[in-house]
Protein backbone atom coordinates (compact mmCIF):
# COMPACT_ATOMS: atom_id res chain seq x y z
CA MET A 1 123.25 54.15 -117.34
CA SER A 2 120.88 56.56 -115.97
CA LYS A 3 121.30 58.14 -112.65
CA ASN A 4 117.56 56.66 -112.06
CA ASP A 5 118.50 53.12 -113.04
CA LYS A 6 121.67 53.37 -110.68
CA GLU A 7 119.63 54.13 -108.10
CA LYS A 8 117.77 51.02 -108.88
CA LEU A 9 120.33 48.75 -108.89
CA GLU A 10 121.98 50.07 -105.30
CA LEU A 11 118.50 49.78 -104.33
CA LEU A 12 118.52 46.37 -105.18
CA ASP A 13 121.78 45.77 -104.06
CA THR A 14 120.89 46.50 -100.44
CA ARG A 15 121.60 43.45 -98.26
CA LEU A 16 118.73 42.10 -96.33
CA ASP A 17 118.50 41.84 -92.61
CA GLU A 18 118.31 38.59 -90.48
CA LYS A 19 114.67 39.12 -90.14
CA THR A 20 113.64 39.62 -93.14
CA THR A 21 115.69 37.14 -94.92
CA LYS A 22 114.13 34.73 -92.57
CA THR A 23 110.50 36.22 -93.89
CA MET A 24 111.80 35.88 -97.03
CA ILE A 25 112.35 32.27 -96.84
CA ILE A 26 109.25 31.09 -94.84
CA CYS A 27 106.90 32.93 -97.44
CA ALA A 28 108.71 31.08 -100.31
CA VAL A 29 108.13 28.13 -98.63
CA ILE A 30 104.75 28.09 -97.54
CA MET A 31 104.25 28.81 -101.15
CA LEU A 32 106.33 25.88 -101.89
CA VAL A 33 104.18 23.65 -99.55
CA ALA A 34 100.64 25.09 -100.91
CA VAL A 35 101.40 23.99 -104.28
CA LEU A 36 103.00 20.71 -102.95
CA ILE A 37 99.04 20.01 -101.72
CA HIS A 38 97.16 21.09 -104.62
CA ASP A 39 100.14 19.11 -106.54
CA GLY A 40 99.25 15.53 -103.88
CA ASP A 41 95.53 16.62 -104.78
CA HIS A 42 96.47 15.74 -108.66
CA ILE A 43 97.95 12.60 -107.52
CA ARG A 44 94.85 11.58 -105.78
CA GLN A 45 92.87 12.71 -108.81
CA ALA A 46 95.24 10.72 -110.87
CA TYR A 47 94.75 7.60 -108.90
CA ASN A 48 90.97 8.03 -108.18
CA TRP A 49 90.25 8.14 -112.20
CA GLY A 50 93.15 5.54 -113.17
CA TYR A 51 95.19 7.73 -115.05
CA THR A 52 98.83 7.61 -115.39
CA ILE A 53 100.74 11.05 -115.09
CA PRO A 54 103.34 11.11 -117.89
CA MET A 55 106.43 11.60 -117.29
CA SER A 56 106.54 14.92 -119.36
CA LEU A 57 103.68 16.25 -117.45
CA TRP A 58 106.21 16.20 -113.79
CA ALA A 59 108.56 17.84 -115.94
CA LEU A 60 106.55 20.53 -117.00
CA ASN A 61 104.93 20.86 -113.61
CA LEU A 62 108.43 21.82 -112.06
CA ILE A 63 107.53 25.04 -113.54
CA VAL A 64 105.75 26.07 -110.66
CA TYR A 65 108.36 25.84 -108.33
CA VAL A 66 111.02 27.80 -110.12
CA LEU A 67 109.89 31.18 -108.51
CA PRO A 68 109.57 30.49 -105.21
CA VAL A 69 112.68 28.26 -105.19
CA VAL A 70 115.00 31.16 -107.06
CA SER A 71 113.63 33.78 -104.16
CA ILE A 72 114.82 31.19 -101.39
CA PHE A 73 118.38 31.24 -102.95
CA LEU A 74 118.24 35.34 -103.47
CA ALA A 75 117.27 35.37 -99.85
CA LYS A 76 119.92 32.96 -98.79
CA SER A 77 122.17 35.38 -100.23
CA ARG A 78 120.32 38.56 -98.50
CA ARG A 79 119.47 40.38 -102.23
CA MET A 80 117.11 42.86 -101.94
CA SER A 81 115.66 41.62 -105.06
CA ALA A 82 114.44 38.40 -103.31
CA THR A 83 111.28 40.27 -102.08
CA ILE A 84 110.29 41.29 -105.57
CA VAL A 85 110.79 37.62 -107.03
CA CYS A 86 108.80 36.67 -103.72
CA CYS A 87 106.05 38.75 -104.36
CA LEU A 88 105.75 37.71 -108.16
CA ALA A 89 105.86 33.97 -107.27
CA GLY A 90 102.63 34.51 -105.23
CA ILE A 91 100.89 36.33 -107.73
CA VAL A 92 102.13 34.16 -110.97
CA THR A 93 101.56 31.08 -108.57
CA SER A 94 98.08 32.12 -107.84
CA LEU A 95 96.93 33.19 -111.05
CA SER A 96 98.37 30.51 -113.20
CA PHE A 97 96.73 28.06 -110.82
CA VAL A 98 93.25 29.61 -110.55
CA VAL A 99 93.22 30.57 -114.64
CA LEU A 100 94.26 26.96 -115.47
CA HIS A 101 91.19 25.00 -113.61
CA CYS A 102 88.56 27.37 -114.05
CA PHE A 103 89.19 28.53 -117.67
CA GLY A 104 91.84 26.50 -119.39
CA SER A 105 95.09 25.80 -120.93
CA SER A 106 96.15 29.00 -122.98
CA SER A 107 99.98 28.34 -123.72
CA GLY A 108 99.63 25.49 -125.52
CA LEU A 109 101.60 23.42 -123.05
CA ASN A 110 100.02 20.06 -122.60
CA TRP A 111 98.95 19.46 -119.22
CA GLY A 112 97.17 16.07 -119.46
CA ILE A 113 93.77 15.68 -118.57
CA TRP A 114 93.90 18.94 -116.84
CA ASN A 115 93.84 20.23 -120.22
CA PHE A 116 90.62 20.71 -119.42
CA THR A 117 88.89 22.64 -117.14
CA TYR A 118 87.56 21.84 -113.27
CA PHE A 119 84.30 22.26 -114.52
CA GLU A 120 84.26 19.93 -117.26
CA LEU A 121 86.15 16.86 -115.31
CA ILE A 122 83.13 17.48 -113.20
CA GLU A 123 80.95 17.08 -115.77
CA GLY A 124 83.49 13.67 -117.05
CA VAL A 125 85.05 14.00 -120.40
CA TRP A 126 86.60 12.07 -123.53
CA TYR A 127 90.31 12.14 -123.24
CA ASP A 128 93.24 10.01 -125.00
CA PRO A 129 95.85 9.83 -122.83
CA GLY A 130 98.05 7.73 -125.37
CA THR A 131 96.35 4.51 -124.43
CA GLY A 132 93.28 5.06 -126.20
CA MET A 133 90.12 6.98 -125.44
CA GLN A 134 88.85 7.04 -121.77
CA PHE A 135 86.38 8.79 -119.90
CA TYR A 136 87.29 10.56 -116.73
CA GLN A 137 85.02 12.27 -114.69
CA GLY A 138 85.10 13.76 -111.20
CA VAL A 139 86.30 17.36 -109.40
CA ASP A 140 85.17 16.82 -105.66
CA THR A 141 84.76 19.59 -102.98
CA LEU A 142 88.39 18.88 -101.38
CA SER A 143 89.87 19.44 -105.22
CA TRP A 144 87.94 23.04 -104.99
CA ILE A 145 89.89 23.61 -101.84
CA LEU A 146 92.96 22.54 -102.29
CA LEU A 147 92.93 24.91 -105.41
CA PHE A 148 91.41 27.82 -103.98
CA HIS A 149 93.97 27.54 -100.71
CA VAL A 150 96.80 28.24 -103.41
CA PRO A 151 96.13 32.24 -103.59
CA VAL A 152 94.77 31.88 -99.92
CA PHE A 153 98.48 30.96 -98.59
CA CYS A 154 100.43 32.43 -101.90
CA LEU A 155 98.93 35.91 -101.64
CA PRO A 156 99.29 37.17 -98.26
CA CYS A 157 103.38 35.75 -98.99
CA SER A 158 103.37 38.77 -101.85
CA VAL A 159 101.89 41.48 -99.63
CA ILE A 160 104.24 40.90 -97.16
CA SER A 161 107.27 40.87 -99.63
CA LEU A 162 105.77 43.64 -101.17
CA LYS A 163 105.64 45.69 -97.96
CA LYS A 164 109.52 44.66 -96.94
CA PHE A 165 110.78 45.85 -100.28
CA PHE A 166 109.11 49.27 -99.64
CA ASP A 167 110.18 49.40 -96.07
CA ILE A 168 113.63 48.75 -97.11
CA LYS A 169 113.36 51.36 -99.77
CA LYS A 170 111.78 53.66 -97.30
CA ALA A 171 114.22 52.86 -94.89
CA ARG A 172 117.30 53.95 -97.42
CA LYS A 173 118.93 57.48 -96.26
CA PRO A 174 118.21 60.30 -98.53
CA SER A 175 121.57 61.09 -99.37
CA GLN A 176 121.47 57.07 -100.49
CA GLN A 177 118.47 57.84 -102.77
C-alpha cells in the first residue's frame, strides 16, 4: 500500500467529534424527510389516478433511502466516511430524482407509471399496469414543487458534509499528513 493510500485510510479513520456527528445525522435525516415527502406525493398521485403501486415498486424505491441511512450509521459510529457518504447521498438523490422525472428512466428498472416523465404525464399516457391498458394523466404544481424540493434540501446537506470533510482534513496535524 502506498503512502498516499495509507494517509487516505488514516484520514477516513479519524473519529468525528460530537458536533460533526450531530450535523451529519441532521443532514441525513433532512434528506430522508425530503425523500419521504416526495414519495408521499407519489402516493397522492397514484390515489388520484386510481393507480395501484405494485409491491415490486415499493421494494425498488428503497434504493433512494440507502445512502442517507448508511450515513446515519457511519455518523453514529463517528466515522469520518459519514461526511463523504452524506455528501454523495445528497448529490445522487437529487440527480436521480430530477433525471428520472424530467428525462425518464434509462436504467432499465421498472418504475411503474413513473417510467414516463412528468412532461408526458401532464399530457396523459396509456399504460398497462398488468390489469389492462389504462389512461393516466396529471402532474400538478404540487408534484413539481415536491420534485424540486428534493435538491433544494439535499444539495445543501451535501455542501455541509463536504465542508465538514475538508475542515477535518485541514485540522489534521502536519505530522499526521
